[in-house]
Amino acid sequence: MKMKKFINDPATLTDELLAGYELAFGDIVEMKGHLVINKKLKDADRVTIVTYGGSGHEPAQCGYVGEGMLDIQVVGDIFAAPAPDAVIEALKLADKGHGVLLLTLNHAGDMLCGKLVMQEVEEQGLNVRQVITQEDIASGAPRATYPGEVVDRRGLGGAIPMYHILGAAAAEGKSLDELAALAQAYADSMATVAVAARCATHPQNGASFGDLGDEDMEVGMGQHGEGGGGRQKIKTAKETAELMAKTLAEDIGLKTGGKGFAMINGSRATTLMEMFVVYKDTVNYLKSRGIEVVANMVGEILTVQETAGFQMNISKWNDEFLRLWNKPVRTAFLTK
């Protein structure tokens, strides 16, 4: 099928989207090349937070730069990690004397970039701690057994609520060590799985991520069309939600009497109508297991062009996570 998108030149797509983003949200962010910067960064007297990743997943991650969340996001080309030099530039710009927390989602390109960045951090003596999110259960790989262990689990949308937990903690004056420990604790508390009913196309060249036909869905599909091994006939919202929520809750050890966070993250072509139905079924399923959902996100949070489907993220929460979540935040796509 021929790609139909309202773009100009595929070669300048990332530059143009960032220019438009700054025009739309210039009261919250400013740009320096491909660095999306919190306008309040210049006044920050605290640990600051930097992340990076490819464009094409909007509103993530640039939509979460602002007060109470990220301080800088380094934007790569479509579905591609940025150059390490750009991340080093961001770390230096972000450091206000208290150190910088660098957050990395577990994808091959991002991990390679992060490895090179941390080598340069050590050589230059920069005060930076890195934490990796890797919550996708689709691979079947076991959870990490010790802090910092990298396993075969992709980083997905679960990083987004974590950004606010950390941003709120940073605003309270937590040290870099404390913030890194909190980030690791949150990363260890969550699990995510995605389901797709239709695949995306690459916005620069029209290449399809795959064909799921008219009657199938795939549980476990990655953000860039990576197979999840869960292809099956499409199910109802209730059946799909229960299948996913059961597996996620068991993965993180969320049991009767526990409190949880639940996210339904639409991949782009899934309607809010569908997302609300799935969220309702998710909450009802968890309630049937004696689990209370104490916070949530529902909507388009981290997308993949016109993919039809959603990511479900469930986290095991404690009182501290909930307290920090309820702190003020002001970004383009999360304000409360």
C-alpha atoms as a PDB file:
ATOM      1  CA  MET A   1       0.000   0.000   0.000  1.00  0.00           C
ATOM      2  CA  LYS A   2       1.330   3.432  -0.933  1.00  0.00           C
ATOM      3  CA  MET A   3       2.269   5.573   2.064  1.00  0.00           C
ATOM      4  CA  LYS A   4       0.127   8.692   2.479  1.00  0.00           C
ATOM      5  CA  LYS A   5       1.542  11.230   4.938  1.00  0.00           C
ATOM      6  CA  PHE A   6       1.535  15.006   5.108  1.00  0.00           C
ATOM      7  CA  ILE A   7       5.281  15.627   5.012  1.00  0.00           C
ATOM      8  CA  ASN A   8       7.630  17.698   2.876  1.00  0.00           C
ATOM      9  CA  ASP A   9      11.120  16.252   2.451  1.00  0.00           C
ATOM     10  CA  PRO A  10      11.808  12.876   4.141  1.00  0.00           C
ATOM     11  CA  ALA A  11      15.420  13.959   4.649  1.00  0.00           C
ATOM     12  CA  THR A  12      14.401  16.900   6.863  1.00  0.00           C
ATOM     13  CA  LEU A  13      11.490  15.277   8.672  1.00  0.00           C
ATOM     14  CA  THR A  14      13.061  15.235  12.142  1.00  0.00           C
ATOM     15  CA  ASP A  15      14.263  18.840  11.826  1.00  0.00           C
ATOM     16  CA  GLU A  16      10.811  19.982  10.740  1.00  0.00           C
ATOM     17  CA  LEU A  17       8.925  18.155  13.475  1.00  0.00           C
ATOM     18  CA  LEU A  18      11.215  19.695  16.104  1.00  0.00           C
ATOM     19  CA  ALA A  19      10.750  23.151  14.607  1.00  0.00           C
ATOM     20  CA  GLY A  20       7.001  22.701  14.774  1.00  0.00           C
ATOM     21  CA  TYR A  21       7.196  21.324  18.289  1.00  0.00           C
ATOM     22  CA  GLU A  22       9.123  24.373  19.508  1.00  0.00           C
ATOM     23  CA  LEU A  23       6.600  26.689  17.871  1.00  0.00           C
ATOM     24  CA  ALA A  24       3.745  24.841  19.570  1.00  0.00           C
ATOM     25  CA  PHE A  25       5.303  24.526  23.046  1.00  0.00           C
ATOM     26  CA  GLY A  26       7.904  27.285  23.203  1.00  0.00           C
ATOM     27  CA  ASP A  27       6.660  28.304  26.645  1.00  0.00           C
ATOM     28  CA  ILE A  28       7.879  24.967  28.006  1.00  0.00           C
ATOM     29  CA  VAL A  29      10.875  23.971  25.887  1.00  0.00           C
ATOM     30  CA  GLU A  30      13.606  25.420  23.739  1.00  0.00           C
ATOM     31  CA  MET A  31      15.781  23.767  21.104  1.00  0.00           C
ATOM     32  CA  LYS A  32      19.498  23.572  20.558  1.00  0.00           C
ATOM     33  CA  GLY A  33      19.915  21.514  17.428  1.00  0.00           C
ATOM     34  CA  HIS A  34      18.350  18.164  18.290  1.00  0.00           C
ATOM     35  CA  LEU A  35      18.345  18.867  22.022  1.00  0.00           C
ATOM     36  CA  VAL A  36      14.878  19.513  23.480  1.00  0.00           C
ATOM     37  CA  ILE A  37      15.562  21.512  26.644  1.00  0.00           C
ATOM     38  CA  ASN A  38      13.411  22.359  29.650  1.00  0.00           C
ATOM     39  CA  LYS A  39      13.143  26.162  29.728  1.00  0.00           C
ATOM     40  CA  LYS A  40      13.484  26.055  33.518  1.00  0.00           C
ATOM     41  CA  LEU A  41      16.830  24.231  33.284  1.00  0.00           C
ATOM     42  CA  LYS A  42      18.827  27.435  33.613  1.00  0.00           C
ATOM     43  CA  ASP A  43      17.406  27.915  37.119  1.00  0.00           C
ATOM     44  CA  ALA A  44      17.817  24.304  38.254  1.00  0.00           C
ATOM     45  CA  ASP A  45      19.730  23.825  41.506  1.00  0.00           C
ATOM     46  CA  ARG A  46      19.365  20.058  41.680  1.00  0.00           C
ATOM     47  CA  VAL A  47      20.173  16.788  39.969  1.00  0.00           C
ATOM     48  CA  THR A  48      18.987  16.940  36.373  1.00  0.00           C
ATOM     49  CA  ILE A  49      17.612  14.226  34.085  1.00  0.00           C
ATOM     50  CA  VAL A  50      18.567  13.474  30.479  1.00  0.00           C
ATOM     51  CA  THR A  51      17.360  10.829  28.057  1.00  0.00           C
ATOM     52  CA  TYR A  52      17.715  10.188  24.340  1.00  0.00           C
ATOM     53  CA  GLY A  53      16.182   8.218  21.502  1.00  0.00           C
ATOM     54  CA  GLY A  54      14.926   8.264  17.953  1.00  0.00           C
ATOM     55  CA  SER A  55      12.082  10.394  16.671  1.00  0.00           C
ATOM     56  CA  GLY A  56       8.931   8.857  15.234  1.00  0.00           C
ATOM     57  CA  HIS A  57       7.435   7.939  18.629  1.00  0.00           C
ATOM     58  CA  GLU A  58       5.841  11.271  19.485  1.00  0.00           C
ATOM     59  CA  PRO A  59       4.795  12.498  21.974  1.00  0.00           C
ATOM     60  CA  ALA A  60       7.647  10.468  23.520  1.00  0.00           C
ATOM     61  CA  GLN A  61      10.094  11.466  24.554  1.00  0.00           C
ATOM     62  CA  CYS A  62      10.253  15.188  23.798  1.00  0.00           C
ATOM     63  CA  GLY A  63       6.678  15.641  25.022  1.00  0.00           C
ATOM     64  CA  TYR A  64       7.826  14.893  28.568  1.00  0.00           C
ATOM     65  CA  VAL A  65      10.528  17.554  28.809  1.00  0.00           C
ATOM     66  CA  GLY A  66       9.550  20.233  31.287  1.00  0.00           C
ATOM     67  CA  GLU A  67       8.943  20.972  34.959  1.00  0.00           C
ATOM     68  CA  GLY A  68       8.831  17.831  37.082  1.00  0.00           C
ATOM     69  CA  MET A  69      10.009  15.453  34.354  1.00  0.00           C
ATOM     70  CA  LEU A  70      12.908  15.459  31.892  1.00  0.00           C
ATOM     71  CA  ASP A  71      15.393  18.299  31.542  1.00  0.00           C
ATOM     72  CA  ILE A  72      16.773  17.369  28.120  1.00  0.00           C
ATOM     73  CA  GLN A  73      15.903  14.816  25.483  1.00  0.00           C
ATOM     74  CA  VAL A  74      18.430  14.226  22.711  1.00  0.00           C
ATOM     75  CA  VAL A  75      16.505  13.407  19.546  1.00  0.00           C
ATOM     76  CA  GLY A  76      17.853  11.018  16.937  1.00  0.00           C
ATOM     77  CA  ASP A  77      16.612  10.532  13.409  1.00  0.00           C
ATOM     78  CA  ILE A  78      13.502   8.447  12.759  1.00  0.00           C
ATOM     79  CA  PHE A  79      13.755   5.259  14.896  1.00  0.00           C
ATOM     80  CA  ALA A  80      17.516   5.844  15.348  1.00  0.00           C
ATOM     81  CA  ALA A  81      19.665   6.704  18.337  1.00  0.00           C
ATOM     82  CA  PRO A  82      21.428  10.082  18.267  1.00  0.00           C
ATOM     83  CA  ALA A  83      25.188  10.442  18.028  1.00  0.00           C
ATOM     84  CA  PRO A  84      27.050  10.016  21.346  1.00  0.00           C
ATOM     85  CA  ASP A  85      28.583  13.488  20.969  1.00  0.00           C
ATOM     86  CA  ALA A  86      25.098  15.025  21.141  1.00  0.00           C
ATOM     87  CA  VAL A  87      24.345  13.152  24.362  1.00  0.00           C
ATOM     88  CA  ILE A  88      27.635  14.295  25.900  1.00  0.00           C
ATOM     89  CA  GLU A  89      26.734  17.866  24.949  1.00  0.00           C
ATOM     90  CA  ALA A  90      23.378  17.436  26.677  1.00  0.00           C
ATOM     91  CA  LEU A  91      24.965  16.037  29.846  1.00  0.00           C
ATOM     92  CA  LYS A  92      27.340  18.954  30.110  1.00  0.00           C
ATOM     93  CA  LEU A  93      24.571  21.451  29.489  1.00  0.00           C
ATOM     94  CA  ALA A  94      22.309  19.770  32.028  1.00  0.00           C
ATOM     95  CA  ASP A  95      24.798  19.535  34.908  1.00  0.00           C
ATOM     96  CA  LYS A  96      24.119  22.288  37.419  1.00  0.00           C
ATOM     97  CA  GLY A  97      26.642  21.071  39.951  1.00  0.00           C
ATOM     98  CA  HIS A  98      24.672  18.161  41.396  1.00  0.00           C
ATOM     99  CA  GLY A  99      25.206  15.567  38.681  1.00  0.00           C
ATOM    100  CA  VAL A 100      23.028  14.130  35.918  1.00  0.00           C
ATOM    101  CA  LEU A 101      20.904  11.001  35.713  1.00  0.00           C
ATOM    102  CA  LEU A 102      21.011   9.459  32.220  1.00  0.00           C
ATOM    103  CA  LEU A 103      18.071   7.215  31.331  1.00  0.00           C
ATOM    104  CA  THR A 104      18.410   4.645  28.543  1.00  0.00           C
ATOM    105  CA  LEU A 105      15.777   2.377  27.011  1.00  0.00           C
ATOM    106  CA  ASN A 106      17.093  -1.060  26.110  1.00  0.00           C
ATOM    107  CA  HIS A 107      17.289  -1.046  22.306  1.00  0.00           C
ATOM    108  CA  ALA A 108      20.400  -2.005  20.367  1.00  0.00           C
ATOM    109  CA  GLY A 109      21.173   1.452  18.992  1.00  0.00           C
ATOM    110  CA  ASP A 110      20.406   3.241  22.240  1.00  0.00           C
ATOM    111  CA  MET A 111      22.501   0.781  24.219  1.00  0.00           C
ATOM    112  CA  LEU A 112      25.489   1.211  21.900  1.00  0.00           C
ATOM    113  CA  CYS A 113      25.141   4.975  22.148  1.00  0.00           C
ATOM    114  CA  GLY A 114      24.903   4.746  25.940  1.00  0.00           C
ATOM    115  CA  LYS A 115      27.993   2.549  26.159  1.00  0.00           C
ATOM    116  CA  LEU A 116      30.046   5.050  24.152  1.00  0.00           C
ATOM    117  CA  VAL A 117      28.633   7.950  26.148  1.00  0.00           C
ATOM    118  CA  MET A 118      29.513   6.374  29.499  1.00  0.00           C
ATOM    119  CA  GLN A 119      33.046   5.635  28.292  1.00  0.00           C
ATOM    120  CA  GLU A 120      33.413   9.333  27.468  1.00  0.00           C
ATOM    121  CA  VAL A 121      31.812  10.279  30.796  1.00  0.00           C
ATOM    122  CA  GLU A 122      34.491   8.296  32.612  1.00  0.00           C
ATOM    123  CA  GLU A 123      37.311   9.765  30.529  1.00  0.00           C
ATOM    124  CA  GLN A 124      36.112  13.318  31.121  1.00  0.00           C
ATOM    125  CA  GLY A 125      35.244  12.780  34.778  1.00  0.00           C
ATOM    126  CA  LEU A 126      31.619  13.861  34.409  1.00  0.00           C
ATOM    127  CA  ASN A 127      29.233  13.255  37.309  1.00  0.00           C
ATOM    128  CA  VAL A 128      26.701  11.027  35.551  1.00  0.00           C
ATOM    129  CA  ARG A 129      24.808   7.886  36.550  1.00  0.00           C
ATOM    130  CA  GLN A 130      23.043   5.719  33.966  1.00  0.00           C
ATOM    131  CA  VAL A 131      19.945   3.598  34.555  1.00  0.00           C
ATOM    132  CA  ILE A 132      18.497   1.287  31.893  1.00  0.00           C
ATOM    133  CA  THR A 133      14.811   0.413  31.551  1.00  0.00           C
ATOM    134  CA  GLN A 134      14.080  -3.058  30.165  1.00  0.00           C
ATOM    135  CA  GLU A 135      10.552  -4.123  30.996  1.00  0.00           C
ATOM    136  CA  ASP A 136       9.227  -5.835  27.848  1.00  0.00           C
ATOM    137  CA  ILE A 137       8.334  -9.417  28.736  1.00  0.00           C
ATOM    138  CA  ALA A 138       7.824 -10.572  25.122  1.00  0.00           C
ATOM    139  CA  SER A 139      11.204 -12.267  24.776  1.00  0.00           C
ATOM    140  CA  GLY A 140      10.531 -14.556  27.704  1.00  0.00           C
ATOM    141  CA  ALA A 141      13.905 -13.597  29.147  1.00  0.00           C
ATOM    142  CA  PRO A 142      14.122 -13.647  32.953  1.00  0.00           C
ATOM    143  CA  ARG A 143      14.115 -10.421  34.922  1.00  0.00           C
ATOM    144  CA  ALA A 144      17.432  -8.914  35.936  1.00  0.00           C
ATOM    145  CA  THR A 145      18.773 -10.502  39.105  1.00  0.00           C
ATOM    146  CA  TYR A 146      20.935  -7.605  40.258  1.00  0.00           C
ATOM    147  CA  PRO A 147      20.903  -3.815  39.712  1.00  0.00           C
ATOM    148  CA  GLY A 148      22.387  -2.824  36.371  1.00  0.00           C
ATOM    149  CA  GLU A 149      22.260  -6.285  34.819  1.00  0.00           C
ATOM    150  CA  VAL A 150      21.230  -6.029  31.155  1.00  0.00           C
ATOM    151  CA  VAL A 151      18.825  -8.724  29.984  1.00  0.00           C
ATOM    152  CA  ASP A 152      17.020  -9.463  26.711  1.00  0.00           C
ATOM    153  CA  ARG A 153      14.067  -7.210  27.459  1.00  0.00           C
ATOM    154  CA  ARG A 154      13.296  -4.094  25.445  1.00  0.00           C
ATOM    155  CA  GLY A 155      12.599  -0.735  27.009  1.00  0.00           C
ATOM    156  CA  LEU A 156       9.052   0.398  26.217  1.00  0.00           C
ATOM    157  CA  GLY A 157       6.531   2.974  27.441  1.00  0.00           C
ATOM    158  CA  GLY A 158       7.005   2.198  31.119  1.00  0.00           C
ATOM    159  CA  ALA A 159       9.807   4.759  31.184  1.00  0.00           C
ATOM    160  CA  ILE A 160       7.309   7.617  30.816  1.00  0.00           C
ATOM    161  CA  PRO A 161       5.660   7.496  34.269  1.00  0.00           C
ATOM    162  CA  MET A 162       9.107   6.875  35.717  1.00  0.00           C
ATOM    163  CA  TYR A 163      10.244  10.228  34.294  1.00  0.00           C
ATOM    164  CA  HIS A 164       7.743  12.033  36.505  1.00  0.00           C
ATOM    165  CA  ILE A 165       8.534   9.983  39.606  1.00  0.00           C
ATOM    166  CA  LEU A 166      12.192  10.922  39.158  1.00  0.00           C
ATOM    167  CA  GLY A 167      11.501  14.532  38.209  1.00  0.00           C
ATOM    168  CA  ALA A 168       9.453  15.010  41.358  1.00  0.00           C
ATOM    169  CA  ALA A 169      12.185  13.421  43.483  1.00  0.00           C
ATOM    170  CA  ALA A 170      14.832  15.634  41.871  1.00  0.00           C
ATOM    171  CA  ALA A 171      12.728  18.721  42.621  1.00  0.00           C
ATOM    172  CA  GLU A 172      12.740  17.712  46.297  1.00  0.00           C
ATOM    173  CA  GLY A 173      16.538  17.785  46.308  1.00  0.00           C
ATOM    174  CA  LYS A 174      17.362  14.080  46.207  1.00  0.00           C
ATOM    175  CA  SER A 175      21.055  13.357  45.555  1.00  0.00           C
ATOM    176  CA  LEU A 176      22.292  11.693  42.377  1.00  0.00           C
ATOM    177  CA  ASP A 177      22.850   8.419  44.231  1.00  0.00           C
ATOM    178  CA  GLU A 178      19.353   8.578  45.713  1.00  0.00           C
ATOM    179  CA  LEU A 179      17.815   9.377  42.346  1.00  0.00           C
ATOM    180  CA  ALA A 180      19.692   6.560  40.600  1.00  0.00           C
ATOM    181  CA  ALA A 181      18.542   4.118  43.297  1.00  0.00           C
ATOM    182  CA  LEU A 182      14.944   5.297  42.892  1.00  0.00           C
ATOM    183  CA  ALA A 183      15.180   4.928  39.111  1.00  0.00           C
ATOM    184  CA  GLN A 184      16.498   1.391  39.460  1.00  0.00           C
ATOM    185  CA  ALA A 185      13.777   0.517  41.960  1.00  0.00           C
ATOM    186  CA  TYR A 186      11.109   1.788  39.590  1.00  0.00           C
ATOM    187  CA  ALA A 187      12.649   0.000  36.615  1.00  0.00           C
ATOM    188  CA  ASP A 188      12.605  -3.216  38.642  1.00  0.00           C
ATOM    189  CA  SER A 189       8.947  -2.734  39.618  1.00  0.00           C
ATOM    190  CA  MET A 190       7.392  -2.770  36.158  1.00  0.00           C
ATOM    191  CA  ALA A 191       6.593  -4.929  33.164  1.00  0.00           C
ATOM    192  CA  THR A 192       5.169  -4.146  29.726  1.00  0.00           C
ATOM    193  CA  VAL A 193       3.834  -6.054  26.745  1.00  0.00           C
ATOM    194  CA  ALA A 194       2.475  -4.762  23.439  1.00  0.00           C
ATOM    195  CA  VAL A 195      -0.173  -6.058  21.067  1.00  0.00           C
ATOM    196  CA  ALA A 196      -0.574  -5.019  17.445  1.00  0.00           C
ATOM    197  CA  ALA A 197      -3.421  -5.585  14.981  1.00  0.00           C
ATOM    198  CA  ARG A 198      -1.815  -3.605  12.157  1.00  0.00           C
ATOM    199  CA  CYS A 199       1.819  -2.678  11.564  1.00  0.00           C
ATOM    200  CA  ALA A 200       3.294   0.735  10.853  1.00  0.00           C
ATOM    201  CA  THR A 201       5.201   2.049   7.876  1.00  0.00           C
ATOM    202  CA  HIS A 202       8.452   3.960   8.030  1.00  0.00           C
ATOM    203  CA  PRO A 203       7.567   7.646   7.498  1.00  0.00           C
ATOM    204  CA  GLN A 204      10.657   8.359   5.389  1.00  0.00           C
ATOM    205  CA  ASN A 205      10.489   5.521   2.895  1.00  0.00           C
ATOM    206  CA  GLY A 206       7.117   3.823   3.268  1.00  0.00           C
ATOM    207  CA  ALA A 207       8.630   0.452   4.194  1.00  0.00           C
ATOM    208  CA  SER A 208       6.125  -1.708   6.051  1.00  0.00           C
ATOM    209  CA  PHE A 209       6.929  -3.195   9.455  1.00  0.00           C
ATOM    210  CA  GLY A 210       4.971  -6.325   8.541  1.00  0.00           C
ATOM    211  CA  ASP A 211       1.555  -7.683   7.602  1.00  0.00           C
ATOM    212  CA  LEU A 212      -0.794  -9.095  10.226  1.00  0.00           C
ATOM    213  CA  GLY A 213      -3.631  -9.669   7.780  1.00  0.00           C
ATOM    214  CA  ASP A 214      -7.285  -8.931   8.495  1.00  0.00           C
ATOM    215  CA  GLU A 215      -7.920 -11.310  11.395  1.00  0.00           C
ATOM    216  CA  ASP A 216      -4.690 -11.646  13.390  1.00  0.00           C
ATOM    217  CA  MET A 217      -2.962  -9.785  16.189  1.00  0.00           C
ATOM    218  CA  GLU A 218       0.514 -10.223  17.594  1.00  0.00           C
ATOM    219  CA  VAL A 219       1.161 -10.096  21.299  1.00  0.00           C
ATOM    220  CA  GLY A 220       4.704  -8.985  22.046  1.00  0.00           C
ATOM    221  CA  MET A 221       5.446  -6.945  18.936  1.00  0.00           C
ATOM    222  CA  GLY A 222       8.242  -4.415  19.483  1.00  0.00           C
ATOM    223  CA  GLN A 223       8.184  -0.696  18.795  1.00  0.00           C
ATOM    224  CA  HIS A 224       9.853  -1.085  15.429  1.00  0.00           C
ATOM    225  CA  GLY A 225       7.985  -4.132  14.200  1.00  0.00           C
ATOM    226  CA  GLU A 226      10.137  -6.699  15.960  1.00  0.00           C
ATOM    227  CA  GLY A 227       8.247  -9.966  16.210  1.00  0.00           C
ATOM    228  CA  GLY A 228       6.938 -11.108  19.537  1.00  0.00           C
ATOM    229  CA  GLY A 229       6.081 -14.697  18.737  1.00  0.00           C
ATOM    230  CA  GLY A 230       2.493 -14.289  19.897  1.00  0.00           C
ATOM    231  CA  ARG A 231       0.587 -14.174  16.622  1.00  0.00           C
ATOM    232  CA  GLN A 232      -3.005 -15.350  17.040  1.00  0.00           C
ATOM    233  CA  LYS A 233      -6.563 -14.582  16.002  1.00  0.00           C
ATOM    234  CA  ILE A 234      -7.679 -11.215  17.299  1.00  0.00           C
ATOM    235  CA  LYS A 235      -9.576 -11.411  20.579  1.00  0.00           C
ATOM    236  CA  THR A 236     -12.066  -9.182  22.342  1.00  0.00           C
ATOM    237  CA  ALA A 237     -10.842  -6.281  24.479  1.00  0.00           C
ATOM    238  CA  LYS A 238     -11.649  -8.239  27.659  1.00  0.00           C
ATOM    239  CA  GLU A 239      -9.852 -11.380  26.522  1.00  0.00           C
ATOM    240  CA  THR A 240      -6.825  -9.426  25.359  1.00  0.00           C
ATOM    241  CA  ALA A 241      -6.644  -7.300  28.515  1.00  0.00           C
ATOM    242  CA  GLU A 242      -6.900 -10.320  30.799  1.00  0.00           C
ATOM    243  CA  LEU A 243      -4.263 -12.238  28.842  1.00  0.00           C
ATOM    244  CA  MET A 244      -1.811  -9.349  29.084  1.00  0.00           C
ATOM    245  CA  ALA A 245      -2.583  -8.220  32.636  1.00  0.00           C
ATOM    246  CA  LYS A 246      -2.290 -11.747  34.041  1.00  0.00           C
ATOM    247  CA  THR A 247       1.165 -12.217  32.533  1.00  0.00           C
ATOM    248  CA  LEU A 248       2.398  -8.790  33.622  1.00  0.00           C
ATOM    249  CA  ALA A 249       1.139  -9.083  37.203  1.00  0.00           C
ATOM    250  CA  GLU A 250       2.768 -12.480  37.565  1.00  0.00           C
ATOM    251  CA  ASP A 251       6.039 -11.202  36.130  1.00  0.00           C
ATOM    252  CA  ILE A 252       6.384  -8.444  38.724  1.00  0.00           C
ATOM    253  CA  GLY A 253       4.915 -10.431  41.601  1.00  0.00           C
ATOM    254  CA  LEU A 254       1.864  -8.179  42.022  1.00  0.00           C
ATOM    255  CA  LYS A 255      -0.478 -10.175  44.252  1.00  0.00           C
ATOM    256  CA  THR A 256      -3.646  -9.870  46.279  1.00  0.00           C
ATOM    257  CA  GLY A 257      -3.502  -6.815  48.504  1.00  0.00           C
ATOM    258  CA  GLY A 258      -0.983  -5.075  46.254  1.00  0.00           C
ATOM    259  CA  LYS A 259      -1.208  -1.635  44.689  1.00  0.00           C
ATOM    260  CA  GLY A 260      -0.456  -1.044  41.049  1.00  0.00           C
ATOM    261  CA  PHE A 261      -0.092   1.518  38.289  1.00  0.00           C
ATOM    262  CA  ALA A 262      -1.712   0.651  34.949  1.00  0.00           C
ATOM    263  CA  MET A 263      -0.966   2.214  31.570  1.00  0.00           C
ATOM    264  CA  ILE A 264      -2.752   1.674  28.277  1.00  0.00           C
ATOM    265  CA  ASN A 265      -0.529   3.310  25.677  1.00  0.00           C
ATOM    266  CA  GLY A 266      -2.122   3.577  22.253  1.00  0.00           C
ATOM    267  CA  SER A 267       0.368   2.917  19.472  1.00  0.00           C
ATOM    268  CA  ARG A 268      -1.243   5.592  17.239  1.00  0.00           C
ATOM    269  CA  ALA A 269      -4.086   4.079  15.186  1.00  0.00           C
ATOM    270  CA  THR A 270      -5.988   2.763  18.204  1.00  0.00           C
ATOM    271  CA  THR A 271      -8.915   4.952  19.202  1.00  0.00           C
ATOM    272  CA  LEU A 272      -9.500   6.357  22.671  1.00  0.00           C
ATOM    273  CA  MET A 273     -12.774   4.437  22.664  1.00  0.00           C
ATOM    274  CA  GLU A 274     -10.814   1.184  22.424  1.00  0.00           C
ATOM    275  CA  MET A 275      -8.239   2.282  24.985  1.00  0.00           C
ATOM    276  CA  PHE A 276     -10.868   3.144  27.584  1.00  0.00           C
ATOM    277  CA  VAL A 277     -12.588  -0.208  27.070  1.00  0.00           C
ATOM    278  CA  VAL A 278      -9.266  -2.043  27.476  1.00  0.00           C
ATOM    279  CA  TYR A 279      -8.397   0.028  30.555  1.00  0.00           C
ATOM    280  CA  LYS A 280     -11.757  -0.785  32.147  1.00  0.00           C
ATOM    281  CA  ASP A 281     -11.222  -4.477  31.510  1.00  0.00           C
ATOM    282  CA  THR A 282      -7.680  -4.272  32.899  1.00  0.00           C
ATOM    283  CA  VAL A 283      -8.819  -2.592  36.122  1.00  0.00           C
ATOM    284  CA  ASN A 284     -11.656  -5.076  36.550  1.00  0.00           C
ATOM    285  CA  TYR A 285      -9.320  -8.023  36.044  1.00  0.00           C
ATOM    286  CA  LEU A 286      -6.788  -6.718  38.565  1.00  0.00           C
ATOM    287  CA  LYS A 287      -9.599  -5.962  41.023  1.00  0.00           C
ATOM    288  CA  SER A 288     -10.794  -9.565  40.671  1.00  0.00           C
ATOM    289  CA  ARG A 289      -7.333 -10.605  41.868  1.00  0.00           C
ATOM    290  CA  GLY A 290      -7.467  -8.256  44.864  1.00  0.00           C
ATOM    291  CA  ILE A 291      -5.129  -5.675  43.297  1.00  0.00           C
ATOM    292  CA  GLU A 292      -5.926  -1.951  43.572  1.00  0.00           C
ATOM    293  CA  VAL A 293      -5.013   0.360  40.683  1.00  0.00           C
ATOM    294  CA  VAL A 294      -3.939   3.585  42.397  1.00  0.00           C
ATOM    295  CA  ALA A 295      -2.756   5.581  39.348  1.00  0.00           C
ATOM    296  CA  ASN A 296      -2.866   5.375  35.590  1.00  0.00           C
ATOM    297  CA  MET A 297      -2.075   6.768  32.174  1.00  0.00           C
ATOM    298  CA  VAL A 298      -4.404   6.152  29.218  1.00  0.00           C
ATOM    299  CA  GLY A 299      -3.809   7.627  25.773  1.00  0.00           C
ATOM    300  CA  GLU A 300      -1.149   8.033  23.121  1.00  0.00           C
ATOM    301  CA  ILE A 301       2.018   8.178  25.203  1.00  0.00           C
ATOM    302  CA  LEU A 302       4.768   6.513  23.161  1.00  0.00           C
ATOM    303  CA  THR A 303       3.609   5.765  19.627  1.00  0.00           C
ATOM    304  CA  VAL A 304       4.839   4.025  16.492  1.00  0.00           C
ATOM    305  CA  GLN A 305       3.382   5.959  13.593  1.00  0.00           C
ATOM    306  CA  GLU A 306       0.130   4.318  12.439  1.00  0.00           C
ATOM    307  CA  THR A 307       0.473   1.034  14.296  1.00  0.00           C
ATOM    308  CA  ALA A 308      -2.912  -0.253  15.472  1.00  0.00           C
ATOM    309  CA  GLY A 309      -2.542  -1.698  18.939  1.00  0.00           C
ATOM    310  CA  PHE A 310      -1.376  -0.723  22.396  1.00  0.00           C
ATOM    311  CA  GLN A 311       1.183  -1.322  25.090  1.00  0.00           C
ATOM    312  CA  MET A 312       0.026  -2.364  28.539  1.00  0.00           C
ATOM    313  CA  ASN A 313       2.346  -1.446  31.387  1.00  0.00           C
ATOM    314  CA  ILE A 314       1.742  -2.503  34.978  1.00  0.00           C
ATOM    315  CA  SER A 315       3.965  -1.473  37.866  1.00  0.00           C
ATOM    316  CA  LYS A 316       3.986  -2.566  41.493  1.00  0.00           C
ATOM    317  CA  TRP A 317       3.692   0.663  43.455  1.00  0.00           C
ATOM    318  CA  ASN A 318       4.465   1.686  47.004  1.00  0.00           C
ATOM    319  CA  ASP A 319       3.435   4.788  48.946  1.00  0.00           C
ATOM    320  CA  GLU A 320       6.571   6.681  47.867  1.00  0.00           C
ATOM    321  CA  PHE A 321       5.891   6.171  44.170  1.00  0.00           C
ATOM    322  CA  LEU A 322       2.323   7.387  44.650  1.00  0.00           C
ATOM    323  CA  ARG A 323       3.397  10.410  46.695  1.00  0.00           C
ATOM    324  CA  LEU A 324       5.865  11.504  44.038  1.00  0.00           C
ATOM    325  CA  TRP A 325       3.388  10.836  41.220  1.00  0.00           C
ATOM    326  CA  ASN A 326       0.958  13.282  42.810  1.00  0.00           C
ATOM    327  CA  LYS A 327       3.485  16.134  42.702  1.00  0.00           C
ATOM    328  CA  PRO A 328       2.994  18.931  40.129  1.00  0.00           C
ATOM    329  CA  VAL A 329       4.281  18.460  36.589  1.00  0.00           C
ATOM    330  CA  ARG A 330       4.124  20.638  33.500  1.00  0.00           C
ATOM    331  CA  THR A 331       5.161  19.325  30.120  1.00  0.00           C
ATOM    332  CA  ALA A 332       3.511  19.476  26.727  1.00  0.00           C
ATOM    333  CA  PHE A 333       1.792  16.112  27.176  1.00  0.00           C
ATOM    334  CA  LEU A 334       1.517  15.673  30.935  1.00  0.00           C
ATOM    335  CA  THR A 335       0.368  18.495  33.185  1.00  0.00           C
ATOM    336  CA  LYS A 336      -1.197  18.214  36.606  1.00  0.00           C
END
